[in-house]
Amino acid sequence: MGSVQQAVSTRQCVYCGKPVAPHQTQCPHCRETVPKVRLGPAPASSPASKGGQIRRGILYMILGLVIHYISLHADILNLPFSMNPTVNYLSTMVFLAGSALAVYGFFTKVTT
């Protein structure tokens, strides 16, 4: 039972991995300074994350446009593979989903 309490009351050196007492600032084995770890609260939903939704939506729209352009002009571009016709529909869906995400991000940013 004493070894369990000893293992709980010690921490591990980040350099050599050996146990260090919590009150010590230096590891007794490798003589390196052991930093104290302080945990803070989890970050809350910030306004920057709402701007990220707008940016991500615009990136999805650009991705959908690029894929749609390549699939429409595959014969002109002389690609070494053939494009499935469903790629046109899927790229349109990516574009529409990106625009919806950008509009959602815009409205959540405006309303907060």
C-alpha atoms as a PDB file:
ATOM      1  CA  MET A   1       0.000   0.000   0.000  1.00  0.00           C
ATOM      2  CA  GLY A   2       2.931   2.345   0.665  1.00  0.00           C
ATOM      3  CA  SER A   3       4.300   1.915  -2.874  1.00  0.00           C
ATOM      4  CA  VAL A   4       0.940   2.953  -4.355  1.00  0.00           C
ATOM      5  CA  GLN A   5       0.926   6.169  -2.349  1.00  0.00           C
ATOM      6  CA  GLN A   6       4.571   6.777  -3.274  1.00  0.00           C
ATOM      7  CA  ALA A   7       3.812   6.312  -6.982  1.00  0.00           C
ATOM      8  CA  VAL A   8       0.887   8.733  -6.771  1.00  0.00           C
ATOM      9  CA  SER A   9       2.873  11.368  -4.882  1.00  0.00           C
ATOM     10  CA  THR A  10       5.748  11.416  -7.399  1.00  0.00           C
ATOM     11  CA  ARG A  11       5.917  12.701 -10.937  1.00  0.00           C
ATOM     12  CA  GLN A  12       8.037  11.616 -13.861  1.00  0.00           C
ATOM     13  CA  CYS A  13      11.070  13.533 -15.122  1.00  0.00           C
ATOM     14  CA  VAL A  14      10.530  14.661 -18.712  1.00  0.00           C
ATOM     15  CA  TYR A  15      14.201  14.103 -19.551  1.00  0.00           C
ATOM     16  CA  CYS A  16      15.195  10.779 -17.996  1.00  0.00           C
ATOM     17  CA  GLY A  17      11.801   9.317 -17.006  1.00  0.00           C
ATOM     18  CA  LYS A  18      12.740   8.567 -13.407  1.00  0.00           C
ATOM     19  CA  PRO A  19      10.437   9.502 -10.485  1.00  0.00           C
ATOM     20  CA  VAL A  20      10.806  12.947  -8.953  1.00  0.00           C
ATOM     21  CA  ALA A  21       9.152  14.205  -5.759  1.00  0.00           C
ATOM     22  CA  PRO A  22       6.547  16.896  -6.429  1.00  0.00           C
ATOM     23  CA  HIS A  23       8.323  19.490  -4.260  1.00  0.00           C
ATOM     24  CA  GLN A  24      11.645  19.180  -6.144  1.00  0.00           C
ATOM     25  CA  THR A  25      12.446  21.556  -8.975  1.00  0.00           C
ATOM     26  CA  GLN A  26      15.443  19.528 -10.234  1.00  0.00           C
ATOM     27  CA  CYS A  27      15.640  15.854 -11.097  1.00  0.00           C
ATOM     28  CA  PRO A  28      18.025  14.116  -8.645  1.00  0.00           C
ATOM     29  CA  HIS A  29      19.163  11.682 -11.364  1.00  0.00           C
ATOM     30  CA  CYS A  30      19.905  13.884 -14.390  1.00  0.00           C
ATOM     31  CA  ARG A  31      20.018  17.315 -12.663  1.00  0.00           C
ATOM     32  CA  GLU A  32      17.662  18.902 -15.217  1.00  0.00           C
ATOM     33  CA  THR A  33      15.038  21.461 -14.180  1.00  0.00           C
ATOM     34  CA  VAL A  34      11.634  19.810 -14.120  1.00  0.00           C
ATOM     35  CA  PRO A  35       8.879  22.223 -15.223  1.00  0.00           C
ATOM     36  CA  LYS A  36       5.668  22.447 -13.246  1.00  0.00           C
ATOM     37  CA  VAL A  37       2.587  21.547 -15.256  1.00  0.00           C
ATOM     38  CA  ARG A  38      -0.458  23.707 -14.701  1.00  0.00           C
ATOM     39  CA  LEU A  39      -3.690  22.768 -16.371  1.00  0.00           C
ATOM     40  CA  GLY A  40      -6.004  25.574 -17.374  1.00  0.00           C
ATOM     41  CA  PRO A  41      -9.667  25.538 -18.291  1.00  0.00           C
ATOM     42  CA  ALA A  42     -10.703  24.264 -21.694  1.00  0.00           C
ATOM     43  CA  PRO A  43     -11.005  27.014 -24.312  1.00  0.00           C
ATOM     44  CA  ALA A  44     -14.584  28.098 -24.879  1.00  0.00           C
ATOM     45  CA  SER A  45     -16.187  28.782 -28.227  1.00  0.00           C
ATOM     46  CA  SER A  46     -14.564  31.986 -29.387  1.00  0.00           C
ATOM     47  CA  PRO A  47     -15.544  34.394 -32.151  1.00  0.00           C
ATOM     48  CA  ALA A  48     -12.463  33.278 -34.106  1.00  0.00           C
ATOM     49  CA  SER A  49     -13.974  29.808 -34.547  1.00  0.00           C
ATOM     50  CA  LYS A  50     -17.029  31.351 -36.200  1.00  0.00           C
ATOM     51  CA  GLY A  51     -14.754  33.133 -38.665  1.00  0.00           C
ATOM     52  CA  GLY A  52     -13.160  29.769 -39.276  1.00  0.00           C
ATOM     53  CA  GLN A  53     -16.499  28.411 -40.462  1.00  0.00           C
ATOM     54  CA  ILE A  54     -16.729  31.161 -43.067  1.00  0.00           C
ATOM     55  CA  ARG A  55     -13.181  30.492 -44.211  1.00  0.00           C
ATOM     56  CA  ARG A  56     -13.739  26.735 -44.343  1.00  0.00           C
ATOM     57  CA  GLY A  57     -16.944  27.237 -46.329  1.00  0.00           C
ATOM     58  CA  ILE A  58     -15.134  29.394 -48.885  1.00  0.00           C
ATOM     59  CA  LEU A  59     -12.380  26.791 -49.180  1.00  0.00           C
ATOM     60  CA  TYR A  60     -14.985  24.074 -49.822  1.00  0.00           C
ATOM     61  CA  MET A  61     -16.554  26.268 -52.490  1.00  0.00           C
ATOM     62  CA  ILE A  62     -13.187  26.743 -54.212  1.00  0.00           C
ATOM     63  CA  LEU A  63     -12.482  23.006 -53.987  1.00  0.00           C
ATOM     64  CA  GLY A  64     -15.856  22.222 -55.559  1.00  0.00           C
ATOM     65  CA  LEU A  65     -15.207  24.702 -58.368  1.00  0.00           C
ATOM     66  CA  VAL A  66     -11.761  23.294 -59.133  1.00  0.00           C
ATOM     67  CA  ILE A  67     -13.015  19.706 -59.202  1.00  0.00           C
ATOM     68  CA  HIS A  68     -15.973  20.715 -61.377  1.00  0.00           C
ATOM     69  CA  TYR A  69     -13.711  22.577 -63.817  1.00  0.00           C
ATOM     70  CA  ILE A  70     -11.325  19.632 -64.116  1.00  0.00           C
ATOM     71  CA  SER A  71     -14.156  17.155 -64.615  1.00  0.00           C
ATOM     72  CA  LEU A  72     -15.763  19.292 -67.335  1.00  0.00           C
ATOM     73  CA  HIS A  73     -12.513  19.917 -69.215  1.00  0.00           C
ATOM     74  CA  ALA A  74     -10.918  16.486 -68.780  1.00  0.00           C
ATOM     75  CA  ASP A  75     -10.810  15.894 -72.539  1.00  0.00           C
ATOM     76  CA  ILE A  76      -9.103  19.252 -73.206  1.00  0.00           C
ATOM     77  CA  LEU A  77      -6.585  18.757 -70.395  1.00  0.00           C
ATOM     78  CA  ASN A  78      -5.534  15.336 -71.795  1.00  0.00           C
ATOM     79  CA  LEU A  79      -5.712  13.621 -68.420  1.00  0.00           C
ATOM     80  CA  PRO A  80      -4.395  10.050 -68.294  1.00  0.00           C
ATOM     81  CA  PHE A  81      -7.628   8.867 -66.640  1.00  0.00           C
ATOM     82  CA  SER A  82     -11.320   9.238 -67.380  1.00  0.00           C
ATOM     83  CA  MET A  83     -13.694  11.170 -65.161  1.00  0.00           C
ATOM     84  CA  ASN A  84     -16.903   9.568 -63.957  1.00  0.00           C
ATOM     85  CA  PRO A  85     -19.974  11.715 -64.786  1.00  0.00           C
ATOM     86  CA  THR A  86     -21.123  11.613 -61.163  1.00  0.00           C
ATOM     87  CA  VAL A  87     -18.113  13.748 -60.227  1.00  0.00           C
ATOM     88  CA  ASN A  88     -19.945  16.752 -61.723  1.00  0.00           C
ATOM     89  CA  TYR A  89     -22.893  16.251 -59.368  1.00  0.00           C
ATOM     90  CA  LEU A  90     -20.719  15.594 -56.343  1.00  0.00           C
ATOM     91  CA  SER A  91     -18.568  18.653 -56.951  1.00  0.00           C
ATOM     92  CA  THR A  92     -21.739  20.737 -57.216  1.00  0.00           C
ATOM     93  CA  MET A  93     -22.825  19.341 -53.852  1.00  0.00           C
ATOM     94  CA  VAL A  94     -19.445  20.244 -52.313  1.00  0.00           C
ATOM     95  CA  PHE A  95     -19.844  23.795 -53.640  1.00  0.00           C
ATOM     96  CA  LEU A  96     -23.378  24.114 -52.247  1.00  0.00           C
ATOM     97  CA  ALA A  97     -22.375  22.658 -48.887  1.00  0.00           C
ATOM     98  CA  GLY A  98     -19.473  25.118 -48.698  1.00  0.00           C
ATOM     99  CA  SER A  99     -21.744  28.041 -49.477  1.00  0.00           C
ATOM    100  CA  ALA A 100     -24.202  26.884 -46.813  1.00  0.00           C
ATOM    101  CA  LEU A 101     -21.376  26.620 -44.268  1.00  0.00           C
ATOM    102  CA  ALA A 102     -20.124  30.098 -45.166  1.00  0.00           C
ATOM    103  CA  VAL A 103     -23.626  31.579 -44.823  1.00  0.00           C
ATOM    104  CA  TYR A 104     -24.116  29.779 -41.490  1.00  0.00           C
ATOM    105  CA  GLY A 105     -20.789  31.104 -40.228  1.00  0.00           C
ATOM    106  CA  PHE A 106     -21.688  34.603 -41.379  1.00  0.00           C
ATOM    107  CA  PHE A 107     -25.048  34.556 -39.579  1.00  0.00           C
ATOM    108  CA  THR A 108     -23.589  33.160 -36.359  1.00  0.00           C
ATOM    109  CA  LYS A 109     -20.899  35.836 -36.443  1.00  0.00           C
ATOM    110  CA  VAL A 110     -23.439  38.606 -37.019  1.00  0.00           C
ATOM    111  CA  THR A 111     -25.854  37.427 -34.322  1.00  0.00           C
ATOM    112  CA  THR A 112     -23.223  37.181 -31.568  1.00  0.00           C
END
